[in-house]
Every structure is written in C-alpha cells, then in structure tokens.
Amino acid sequence: MTCERANNVKKRDVFGRYGEQARAVLEALLDKFADHGVQDIEDAKVLELPPFDQFGSKTQIRRGIFGGADQYTQAVQALEQALYDVKCNKKQA
C-alpha cells in the first residue's frame, strides 16, 4: 500500500512548485516512504543517509535547498498530506 501511495503522488506531480534539487530530495523521500513507511520521512536524520548525502549535509539540505528547517518541515508535511489524501488516492485507483 505504501508503494501504491508513493506512485500516486508521483503521478500527480505534487512537487511542481519546488526547485529541481528540492524535487529530487522529495522524490527520494517518497522512495524511502515506499520502502519503509512514514516514520522514516518524518525523522530529519534520514537526510544523513544515502541517497540524501549526495545533496549535502542535513543542514545544507534544509537551509540551502529548502530555505530553512521550517520550509523543509512544511514540504515534508505537504508530502505526507499528498500521500494520505484519500480523495485523490481514490481517484487514481
């Protein structure tokens, strides 16, 4: 079910408002969600692991790519909302 939810979010282009690097980070978070569930993407420590380490440190990702920790958190929350938006997921099914 997590893999199906992740694929539905990718199909809906939820990340269109973000820059290229931010979209890459969010897509990698989606892949983590598909493999391990929501707890992995909620923990900022995930940014210290591959493939996120290719974007820089946890701080560089949150500040440099997203503009700060708050903006990163908002992006993750938007991702989670898209993953669990039942109406949209039902339409895709």
PDB file of N, CA and C in Angstrom:
ATOM      1  N   MET A   1       0.821  -1.191   0.000  1.00  0.00           N
ATOM      2  CA  MET A   1       0.000   0.000   0.000  1.00  0.00           C
ATOM      3  C   MET A   1       0.868   1.259   0.000  1.00  0.00           C
ATOM      4  N   THR A   2       1.984   1.255   0.739  1.00  0.00           N
ATOM      5  CA  THR A   2       2.840   2.444   0.761  1.00  0.00           C
ATOM      6  C   THR A   2       3.439   2.710  -0.609  1.00  0.00           C
ATOM      7  N   CYS A   3       3.810   1.660  -1.324  1.00  0.00           N
ATOM      8  CA  CYS A   3       4.375   1.828  -2.661  1.00  0.00           C
ATOM      9  C   CYS A   3       3.322   2.412  -3.607  1.00  0.00           C
ATOM     10  N   GLU A   4       2.089   1.946  -3.494  1.00  0.00           N
ATOM     11  CA  GLU A   4       0.993   2.454  -4.322  1.00  0.00           C
ATOM     12  C   GLU A   4       0.737   3.932  -4.026  1.00  0.00           C
ATOM     13  N   ARG A   5       0.742   4.302  -2.762  1.00  0.00           N
ATOM     14  CA  ARG A   5       0.552   5.715  -2.391  1.00  0.00           C
ATOM     15  C   ARG A   5       1.667   6.583  -2.971  1.00  0.00           C
ATOM     16  N   ALA A   6       2.893   6.117  -2.867  1.00  0.00           N
ATOM     17  CA  ALA A   6       4.032   6.874  -3.390  1.00  0.00           C
ATOM     18  C   ALA A   6       3.902   7.059  -4.898  1.00  0.00           C
ATOM     19  N   ASN A   7       3.507   6.023  -5.603  1.00  0.00           N
ATOM     20  CA  ASN A   7       3.345   6.126  -7.053  1.00  0.00           C
ATOM     21  C   ASN A   7       2.232   7.100  -7.418  1.00  0.00           C
ATOM     22  N   ASN A   8       1.155   7.111  -6.654  1.00  0.00           N
ATOM     23  CA  ASN A   8       0.063   8.049  -6.908  1.00  0.00           C
ATOM     24  C   ASN A   8       0.528   9.490  -6.752  1.00  0.00           C
ATOM     25  N   VAL A   9       1.356   9.756  -5.758  1.00  0.00           N
ATOM     26  CA  VAL A   9       1.871  11.109  -5.559  1.00  0.00           C
ATOM     27  C   VAL A   9       2.771  11.498  -6.729  1.00  0.00           C
ATOM     28  N   LYS A  10       3.615  10.591  -7.175  1.00  0.00           N
ATOM     29  CA  LYS A  10       4.491  10.888  -8.319  1.00  0.00           C
ATOM     30  C   LYS A  10       3.666  11.209  -9.564  1.00  0.00           C
ATOM     31  N   LYS A  11       2.572  10.493  -9.786  1.00  0.00           N
ATOM     32  CA  LYS A  11       1.727  10.727 -10.953  1.00  0.00           C
ATOM     33  C   LYS A  11       1.068  12.106 -10.913  1.00  0.00           C
ATOM     34  N   ARG A  12       0.779  12.602  -9.717  1.00  0.00           N
ATOM     35  CA  ARG A  12       0.067  13.879  -9.587  1.00  0.00           C
ATOM     36  C   ARG A  12       1.000  15.082  -9.615  1.00  0.00           C
ATOM     37  N   ASP A  13       2.291  14.899  -9.730  1.00  0.00           N
ATOM     38  CA  ASP A  13       3.266  15.988  -9.795  1.00  0.00           C
ATOM     39  C   ASP A  13       3.067  16.982  -8.652  1.00  0.00           C
ATOM     40  N   VAL A  14       3.081  16.472  -7.452  1.00  0.00           N
ATOM     41  CA  VAL A  14       2.891  17.288  -6.252  1.00  0.00           C
ATOM     42  C   VAL A  14       4.056  18.249  -6.041  1.00  0.00           C
ATOM     43  N   PHE A  15       5.205  17.984  -6.624  1.00  0.00           N
ATOM     44  CA  PHE A  15       6.411  18.758  -6.347  1.00  0.00           C
ATOM     45  C   PHE A  15       6.664  19.880  -7.345  1.00  0.00           C
ATOM     46  N   GLY A  16       5.724  20.173  -8.201  1.00  0.00           N
ATOM     47  CA  GLY A  16       5.910  21.152  -9.251  1.00  0.00           C
ATOM     48  C   GLY A  16       6.338  22.531  -8.784  1.00  0.00           C
ATOM     49  N   ARG A  17       5.972  22.897  -7.572  1.00  0.00           N
ATOM     50  CA  ARG A  17       6.293  24.248  -7.093  1.00  0.00           C
ATOM     51  C   ARG A  17       7.699  24.368  -6.510  1.00  0.00           C
ATOM     52  N   TYR A  18       8.403  23.255  -6.425  1.00  0.00           N
ATOM     53  CA  TYR A  18       9.742  23.258  -5.843  1.00  0.00           C
ATOM     54  C   TYR A  18      10.804  23.289  -6.933  1.00  0.00           C
ATOM     55  N   GLY A  19      11.987  23.733  -6.563  1.00  0.00           N
ATOM     56  CA  GLY A  19      13.119  23.723  -7.482  1.00  0.00           C
ATOM     57  C   GLY A  19      13.592  22.306  -7.746  1.00  0.00           C
ATOM     58  N   GLU A  20      14.499  22.192  -8.684  1.00  0.00           N
ATOM     59  CA  GLU A  20      14.975  20.884  -9.135  1.00  0.00           C
ATOM     60  C   GLU A  20      15.583  20.058  -8.004  1.00  0.00           C
ATOM     61  N   GLN A  21      16.448  20.672  -7.196  1.00  0.00           N
ATOM     62  CA  GLN A  21      17.088  19.923  -6.098  1.00  0.00           C
ATOM     63  C   GLN A  21      16.064  19.533  -5.038  1.00  0.00           C
ATOM     64  N   ALA A  22      15.156  20.432  -4.715  1.00  0.00           N
ATOM     65  CA  ALA A  22      14.132  20.122  -3.714  1.00  0.00           C
ATOM     66  C   ALA A  22      13.247  18.982  -4.203  1.00  0.00           C
ATOM     67  N   ARG A  23      12.897  18.998  -5.469  1.00  0.00           N
ATOM     68  CA  ARG A  23      12.090  17.904  -6.026  1.00  0.00           C
ATOM     69  C   ARG A  23      12.845  16.585  -5.924  1.00  0.00           C
ATOM     70  N   ALA A  24      14.144  16.609  -6.186  1.00  0.00           N
ATOM     71  CA  ALA A  24      14.943  15.382  -6.097  1.00  0.00           C
ATOM     72  C   ALA A  24      14.957  14.852  -4.666  1.00  0.00           C
ATOM     73  N   VAL A  25      15.089  15.743  -3.689  1.00  0.00           N
ATOM     74  CA  VAL A  25      15.071  15.333  -2.279  1.00  0.00           C
ATOM     75  C   VAL A  25      13.697  14.749  -1.932  1.00  0.00           C
ATOM     76  N   LEU A  26      12.625  15.414  -2.344  1.00  0.00           N
ATOM     77  CA  LEU A  26      11.274  14.939  -2.036  1.00  0.00           C
ATOM     78  C   LEU A  26      10.980  13.607  -2.721  1.00  0.00           C
ATOM     79  N   GLU A  27      11.457  13.435  -3.929  1.00  0.00           N
ATOM     80  CA  GLU A  27      11.272  12.149  -4.605  1.00  0.00           C
ATOM     81  C   GLU A  27      12.036  11.041  -3.892  1.00  0.00           C
ATOM     82  N   ALA A  28      13.222  11.356  -3.386  1.00  0.00           N
ATOM     83  CA  ALA A  28      13.981  10.366  -2.615  1.00  0.00           C
ATOM     84  C   ALA A  28      13.248  10.038  -1.316  1.00  0.00           C
ATOM     85  N   LEU A  29      12.622  11.053  -0.703  1.00  0.00           N
ATOM     86  CA  LEU A  29      11.804  10.800   0.488  1.00  0.00           C
ATOM     87  C   LEU A  29      10.623   9.899   0.149  1.00  0.00           C
ATOM     88  N   LEU A  30      10.028  10.109  -0.999  1.00  0.00           N
ATOM     89  CA  LEU A  30       8.925   9.249  -1.442  1.00  0.00           C
ATOM     90  C   LEU A  30       9.395   7.807  -1.580  1.00  0.00           C
ATOM     91  N   ASP A  31      10.585   7.617  -2.136  1.00  0.00           N
ATOM     92  CA  ASP A  31      11.131   6.268  -2.272  1.00  0.00           C
ATOM     93  C   ASP A  31      11.359   5.636  -0.900  1.00  0.00           C
ATOM     94  N   LYS A  32      11.860   6.437   0.054  1.00  0.00           N
ATOM     95  CA  LYS A  32      12.042   5.937   1.426  1.00  0.00           C
ATOM     96  C   LYS A  32      10.697   5.529   2.015  1.00  0.00           C
ATOM     97  N   PHE A  33       9.673   6.362   1.785  1.00  0.00           N
ATOM     98  CA  PHE A  33       8.328   6.051   2.277  1.00  0.00           C
ATOM     99  C   PHE A  33       7.858   4.723   1.691  1.00  0.00           C
ATOM    100  N   ALA A  34       8.051   4.550   0.387  1.00  0.00           N
ATOM    101  CA  ALA A  34       7.599   3.317  -0.276  1.00  0.00           C
ATOM    102  C   ALA A  34       8.271   2.090   0.322  1.00  0.00           C
ATOM    103  N   ASP A  35       9.540   2.242   0.711  1.00  0.00           N
ATOM    104  CA  ASP A  35      10.288   1.108   1.264  1.00  0.00           C
ATOM    105  C   ASP A  35      10.051   0.885   2.753  1.00  0.00           C
ATOM    106  N   HIS A  36       9.897   1.983   3.516  1.00  0.00           N
ATOM    107  CA  HIS A  36       9.919   1.850   4.976  1.00  0.00           C
ATOM    108  C   HIS A  36       8.750   2.490   5.712  1.00  0.00           C
ATOM    109  N   GLY A  37       7.913   3.239   5.050  1.00  0.00           N
ATOM    110  CA  GLY A  37       6.781   3.872   5.716  1.00  0.00           C
ATOM    111  C   GLY A  37       7.085   5.290   6.158  1.00  0.00           C
ATOM    112  N   VAL A  38       6.082   5.902   6.777  1.00  0.00           N
ATOM    113  CA  VAL A  38       6.121   7.335   7.072  1.00  0.00           C
ATOM    114  C   VAL A  38       7.136   7.706   8.148  1.00  0.00           C
ATOM    115  N   GLN A  39       7.439   6.827   9.073  1.00  0.00           N
ATOM    116  CA  GLN A  39       8.348   7.194  10.166  1.00  0.00           C
ATOM    117  C   GLN A  39       9.717   7.610   9.660  1.00  0.00           C
ATOM    118  N   ASP A  40      10.176   7.035   8.568  1.00  0.00           N
ATOM    119  CA  ASP A  40      11.489   7.395   8.033  1.00  0.00           C
ATOM    120  C   ASP A  40      11.515   8.807   7.470  1.00  0.00           C
ATOM    121  N   ILE A  41      10.451   9.236   6.821  1.00  0.00           N
ATOM    122  CA  ILE A  41      10.486  10.566   6.221  1.00  0.00           C
ATOM    123  C   ILE A  41      10.218  11.662   7.241  1.00  0.00           C
ATOM    124  N   GLU A  42       9.632  11.317   8.375  1.00  0.00           N
ATOM    125  CA  GLU A  42       9.371  12.319   9.413  1.00  0.00           C
ATOM    126  C   GLU A  42      10.618  12.649  10.225  1.00  0.00           C
ATOM    127  N   ASP A  43      11.592  11.792  10.220  1.00  0.00           N
ATOM    128  CA  ASP A  43      12.804  11.983  11.002  1.00  0.00           C
ATOM    129  C   ASP A  43      13.875  12.647  10.127  1.00  0.00           C
ATOM    130  N   ALA A  44      14.276  13.851  10.491  1.00  0.00           N
ATOM    131  CA  ALA A  44      15.268  14.592   9.704  1.00  0.00           C
ATOM    132  C   ALA A  44      16.603  13.855   9.619  1.00  0.00           C
ATOM    133  N   LYS A  45      16.852  12.895  10.503  1.00  0.00           N
ATOM    134  CA  LYS A  45      18.095  12.118  10.449  1.00  0.00           C
ATOM    135  C   LYS A  45      18.211  11.327   9.151  1.00  0.00           C
ATOM    136  N   VAL A  46      17.080  11.093   8.487  1.00  0.00           N
ATOM    137  CA  VAL A  46      17.109  10.377   7.216  1.00  0.00           C
ATOM    138  C   VAL A  46      17.960  11.133   6.198  1.00  0.00           C
ATOM    139  N   LEU A  47      18.064  12.446   6.365  1.00  0.00           N
ATOM    140  CA  LEU A  47      18.844  13.267   5.441  1.00  0.00           C
ATOM    141  C   LEU A  47      20.349  13.010   5.539  1.00  0.00           C
ATOM    142  N   GLU A  48      20.760  12.281   6.567  1.00  0.00           N
ATOM    143  CA  GLU A  48      22.174  11.947   6.743  1.00  0.00           C
ATOM    144  C   GLU A  48      22.537  10.647   6.022  1.00  0.00           C
ATOM    145  N   LEU A  49      21.549   9.966   5.473  1.00  0.00           N
ATOM    146  CA  LEU A  49      21.738   8.660   4.840  1.00  0.00           C
ATOM    147  C   LEU A  49      21.736   8.778   3.318  1.00  0.00           C
ATOM    148  N   PRO A  50      22.292   7.766   2.630  1.00  0.00           N
ATOM    149  CA  PRO A  50      22.152   7.742   1.176  1.00  0.00           C
ATOM    150  C   PRO A  50      20.666   7.603   0.810  1.00  0.00           C
ATOM    151  N   PRO A  51      20.191   8.187  -0.220  1.00  0.00           N
ATOM    152  CA  PRO A  51      20.891   8.969  -1.236  1.00  0.00           C
ATOM    153  C   PRO A  51      20.989  10.460  -0.902  1.00  0.00           C
ATOM    154  N   PHE A  52      20.490  10.846   0.267  1.00  0.00           N
ATOM    155  CA  PHE A  52      20.425  12.266   0.609  1.00  0.00           C
ATOM    156  C   PHE A  52      21.798  12.896   0.792  1.00  0.00           C
ATOM    157  N   ASP A  53      22.781  12.089   1.198  1.00  0.00           N
ATOM    158  CA  ASP A  53      24.123  12.626   1.428  1.00  0.00           C
ATOM    159  C   ASP A  53      24.733  13.222   0.158  1.00  0.00           C
ATOM    160  N   GLN A  54      24.230  12.840  -1.005  1.00  0.00           N
ATOM    161  CA  GLN A  54      24.730  13.423  -2.253  1.00  0.00           C
ATOM    162  C   GLN A  54      24.297  14.878  -2.433  1.00  0.00           C
ATOM    163  N   PHE A  55      23.279  15.310  -1.693  1.00  0.00           N
ATOM    164  CA  PHE A  55      22.801  16.696  -1.771  1.00  0.00           C
ATOM    165  C   PHE A  55      23.526  17.609  -0.788  1.00  0.00           C
ATOM    166  N   GLY A  56      24.260  17.026   0.142  1.00  0.00           N
ATOM    167  CA  GLY A  56      24.969  17.789   1.161  1.00  0.00           C
ATOM    168  C   GLY A  56      24.564  17.316   2.540  1.00  0.00           C
ATOM    169  N   SER A  57      24.969  18.062   3.545  1.00  0.00           N
ATOM    170  CA  SER A  57      24.632  17.712   4.925  1.00  0.00           C
ATOM    171  C   SER A  57      23.148  17.974   5.179  1.00  0.00           C
ATOM    172  N   LYS A  58      22.679  17.486   6.301  1.00  0.00           N
ATOM    173  CA  LYS A  58      21.286  17.714   6.697  1.00  0.00           C
ATOM    174  C   LYS A  58      20.982  19.213   6.728  1.00  0.00           C
ATOM    175  N   THR A  59      21.891  19.989   7.288  1.00  0.00           N
ATOM    176  CA  THR A  59      21.710  21.434   7.376  1.00  0.00           C
ATOM    177  C   THR A  59      21.732  22.071   5.991  1.00  0.00           C
ATOM    178  N   GLN A  60      22.643  21.636   5.130  1.00  0.00           N
ATOM    179  CA  GLN A  60      22.710  22.182   3.772  1.00  0.00           C
ATOM    180  C   GLN A  60      21.422  21.902   3.000  1.00  0.00           C
ATOM    181  N   ILE A  61      20.871  20.725   3.194  1.00  0.00           N
ATOM    182  CA  ILE A  61      19.625  20.375   2.507  1.00  0.00           C
ATOM    183  C   ILE A  61      18.492  21.258   3.009  1.00  0.00           C
ATOM    184  N   ARG A  62      18.351  21.344   4.319  1.00  0.00           N
ATOM    185  CA  ARG A  62      17.221  22.115   4.862  1.00  0.00           C
ATOM    186  C   ARG A  62      17.373  23.606   4.592  1.00  0.00           C
ATOM    187  N   ARG A  63      18.558  24.153   4.768  1.00  0.00           N
ATOM    188  CA  ARG A  63      18.754  25.601   4.571  1.00  0.00           C
ATOM    189  C   ARG A  63      18.981  25.958   3.112  1.00  0.00           C
ATOM    190  N   GLY A  64      19.905  25.248   2.464  1.00  0.00           N
ATOM    191  CA  GLY A  64      20.302  25.608   1.108  1.00  0.00           C
ATOM    192  C   GLY A  64      19.287  25.251   0.042  1.00  0.00           C
ATOM    193  N   ILE A  65      18.635  24.123   0.197  1.00  0.00           N
ATOM    194  CA  ILE A  65      17.697  23.664  -0.833  1.00  0.00           C
ATOM    195  C   ILE A  65      16.277  24.128  -0.543  1.00  0.00           C
ATOM    196  N   PHE A  66      15.882  24.084   0.719  1.00  0.00           N
ATOM    197  CA  PHE A  66      14.502  24.426   1.077  1.00  0.00           C
ATOM    198  C   PHE A  66      14.350  25.816   1.675  1.00  0.00           C
ATOM    199  N   GLY A  67      15.456  26.462   2.041  1.00  0.00           N
ATOM    200  CA  GLY A  67      15.373  27.803   2.597  1.00  0.00           C
ATOM    201  C   GLY A  67      15.283  27.850   4.104  1.00  0.00           C
ATOM    202  N   GLY A  68      15.368  26.727   4.773  1.00  0.00           N
ATOM    203  CA  GLY A  68      15.348  26.677   6.227  1.00  0.00           C
ATOM    204  C   GLY A  68      14.634  25.437   6.728  1.00  0.00           C
ATOM    205  N   ALA A  69      14.806  25.174   8.018  1.00  0.00           N
ATOM    206  CA  ALA A  69      14.206  23.982   8.621  1.00  0.00           C
ATOM    207  C   ALA A  69      12.684  24.031   8.562  1.00  0.00           C
ATOM    208  N   ASP A  70      12.109  25.224   8.776  1.00  0.00           N
ATOM    209  CA  ASP A  70      10.644  25.344   8.741  1.00  0.00           C
ATOM    210  C   ASP A  70      10.092  25.025   7.354  1.00  0.00           C
ATOM    211  N   GLN A  71      10.758  25.535   6.325  1.00  0.00           N
ATOM    212  CA  GLN A  71      10.301  25.273   4.961  1.00  0.00           C
ATOM    213  C   GLN A  71      10.451  23.797   4.603  1.00  0.00           C
ATOM    214  N   TYR A  72      11.534  23.181   5.090  1.00  0.00           N
ATOM    215  CA  TYR A  72      11.712  21.746   4.859  1.00  0.00           C
ATOM    216  C   TYR A  72      10.577  20.973   5.534  1.00  0.00           C
ATOM    217  N   THR A  73      10.279  21.331   6.780  1.00  0.00           N
ATOM    218  CA  THR A  73       9.207  20.655   7.512  1.00  0.00           C
ATOM    219  C   THR A  73       7.875  20.823   6.789  1.00  0.00           C
ATOM    220  N   GLN A  74       7.605  22.017   6.286  1.00  0.00           N
ATOM    221  CA  GLN A  74       6.363  22.261   5.542  1.00  0.00           C
ATOM    222  C   GLN A  74       6.306  21.399   4.281  1.00  0.00           C
ATOM    223  N   ALA A  75       7.431  21.249   3.604  1.00  0.00           N
ATOM    224  CA  ALA A  75       7.476  20.423   2.397  1.00  0.00           C
ATOM    225  C   ALA A  75       7.200  18.959   2.737  1.00  0.00           C
ATOM    226  N   VAL A  76       7.773  18.483   3.832  1.00  0.00           N
ATOM    227  CA  VAL A  76       7.532  17.090   4.250  1.00  0.00           C
ATOM    228  C   VAL A  76       6.071  16.909   4.643  1.00  0.00           C
ATOM    229  N   GLN A  77       5.504  17.889   5.341  1.00  0.00           N
ATOM    230  CA  GLN A  77       4.093  17.804   5.711  1.00  0.00           C
ATOM    231  C   GLN A  77       3.194  17.806   4.482  1.00  0.00           C
ATOM    232  N   ALA A  78       3.532  18.608   3.473  1.00  0.00           N
ATOM    233  CA  ALA A  78       2.763  18.624   2.228  1.00  0.00           C
ATOM    234  C   ALA A  78       2.870  17.267   1.530  1.00  0.00           C
ATOM    235  N   LEU A  79       4.057  16.677   1.586  1.00  0.00           N
ATOM    236  CA  LEU A  79       4.263  15.344   1.014  1.00  0.00           C
ATOM    237  C   LEU A  79       3.386  14.322   1.736  1.00  0.00           C
ATOM    238  N   GLU A  80       3.390  14.360   3.054  1.00  0.00           N
ATOM    239  CA  GLU A  80       2.573  13.426   3.831  1.00  0.00           C
ATOM    240  C   GLU A  80       1.091  13.627   3.536  1.00  0.00           C
ATOM    241  N   GLN A  81       0.677  14.877   3.428  1.00  0.00           N
ATOM    242  CA  GLN A  81      -0.727  15.160   3.128  1.00  0.00           C
ATOM    243  C   GLN A  81      -1.098  14.566   1.768  1.00  0.00           C
ATOM    244  N   ALA A  82      -0.228  14.718   0.783  1.00  0.00           N
ATOM    245  CA  ALA A  82      -0.482  14.153  -0.541  1.00  0.00           C
ATOM    246  C   ALA A  82      -0.541  12.628  -0.490  1.00  0.00           C
ATOM    247  N   LEU A  83       0.299  12.034   0.345  1.00  0.00           N
ATOM    248  CA  LEU A  83       0.309  10.573   0.465  1.00  0.00           C
ATOM    249  C   LEU A  83      -0.984  10.040   1.071  1.00  0.00           C
ATOM    250  N   TYR A  84      -1.569  10.808   1.982  1.00  0.00           N
ATOM    251  CA  TYR A  84      -2.739  10.320   2.704  1.00  0.00           C
ATOM    252  C   TYR A  84      -4.023  11.034   2.320  1.00  0.00           C
ATOM    253  N   ASP A  85      -4.000  11.793   1.229  1.00  0.00           N
ATOM    254  CA  ASP A  85      -5.196  12.453   0.736  1.00  0.00           C
ATOM    255  C   ASP A  85      -6.075  11.382   0.093  1.00  0.00           C
ATOM    256  N   VAL A  86      -7.051  10.911   0.857  1.00  0.00           N
ATOM    257  CA  VAL A  86      -7.871   9.754   0.441  1.00  0.00           C
ATOM    258  C   VAL A  86      -8.621  10.044  -0.851  1.00  0.00           C
ATOM    259  N   LYS A  87      -9.170  11.237  -0.981  1.00  0.00           N
ATOM    260  CA  LYS A  87      -9.933  11.584  -2.177  1.00  0.00           C
ATOM    261  C   LYS A  87      -9.086  11.427  -3.430  1.00  0.00           C
ATOM    262  N   CYS A  88      -7.884  11.999  -3.401  1.00  0.00           N
ATOM    263  CA  CYS A  88      -7.017  11.925  -4.573  1.00  0.00           C
ATOM    264  C   CYS A  88      -6.563  10.514  -4.827  1.00  0.00           C
ATOM    265  N   ASN A  89      -6.244   9.780  -3.774  1.00  0.00           N
ATOM    266  CA  ASN A  89      -5.797   8.400  -3.962  1.00  0.00           C
ATOM    267  C   ASN A  89      -6.905   7.545  -4.537  1.00  0.00           C
ATOM    268  N   LYS A  90      -8.153   7.783  -4.143  1.00  0.00           N
ATOM    269  CA  LYS A  90      -9.267   7.005  -4.686  1.00  0.00           C
ATOM    270  C   LYS A  90      -9.458   7.310  -6.166  1.00  0.00           C
ATOM    271  N   LYS A  91      -9.289   8.567  -6.550  1.00  0.00           N
ATOM    272  CA  LYS A  91      -9.439   8.939  -7.951  1.00  0.00           C
ATOM    273  C   LYS A  91      -8.412   8.240  -8.811  1.00  0.00           C
ATOM    274  N   GLN A  92      -7.211   8.041  -8.274  1.00  0.00           N
ATOM    275  CA  GLN A  92      -6.145   7.405  -9.026  1.00  0.00           C
ATOM    276  C   GLN A  92      -6.354   5.904  -9.156  1.00  0.00           C
ATOM    277  N   ALA A  93      -7.086   5.318  -8.231  1.00  0.00           N
ATOM    278  CA  ALA A  93      -7.236   3.863  -8.200  1.00  0.00           C
ATOM    279  C   ALA A  93      -8.136   3.355  -9.317  1.00  0.00           C
TER     280      ALA A  93
END
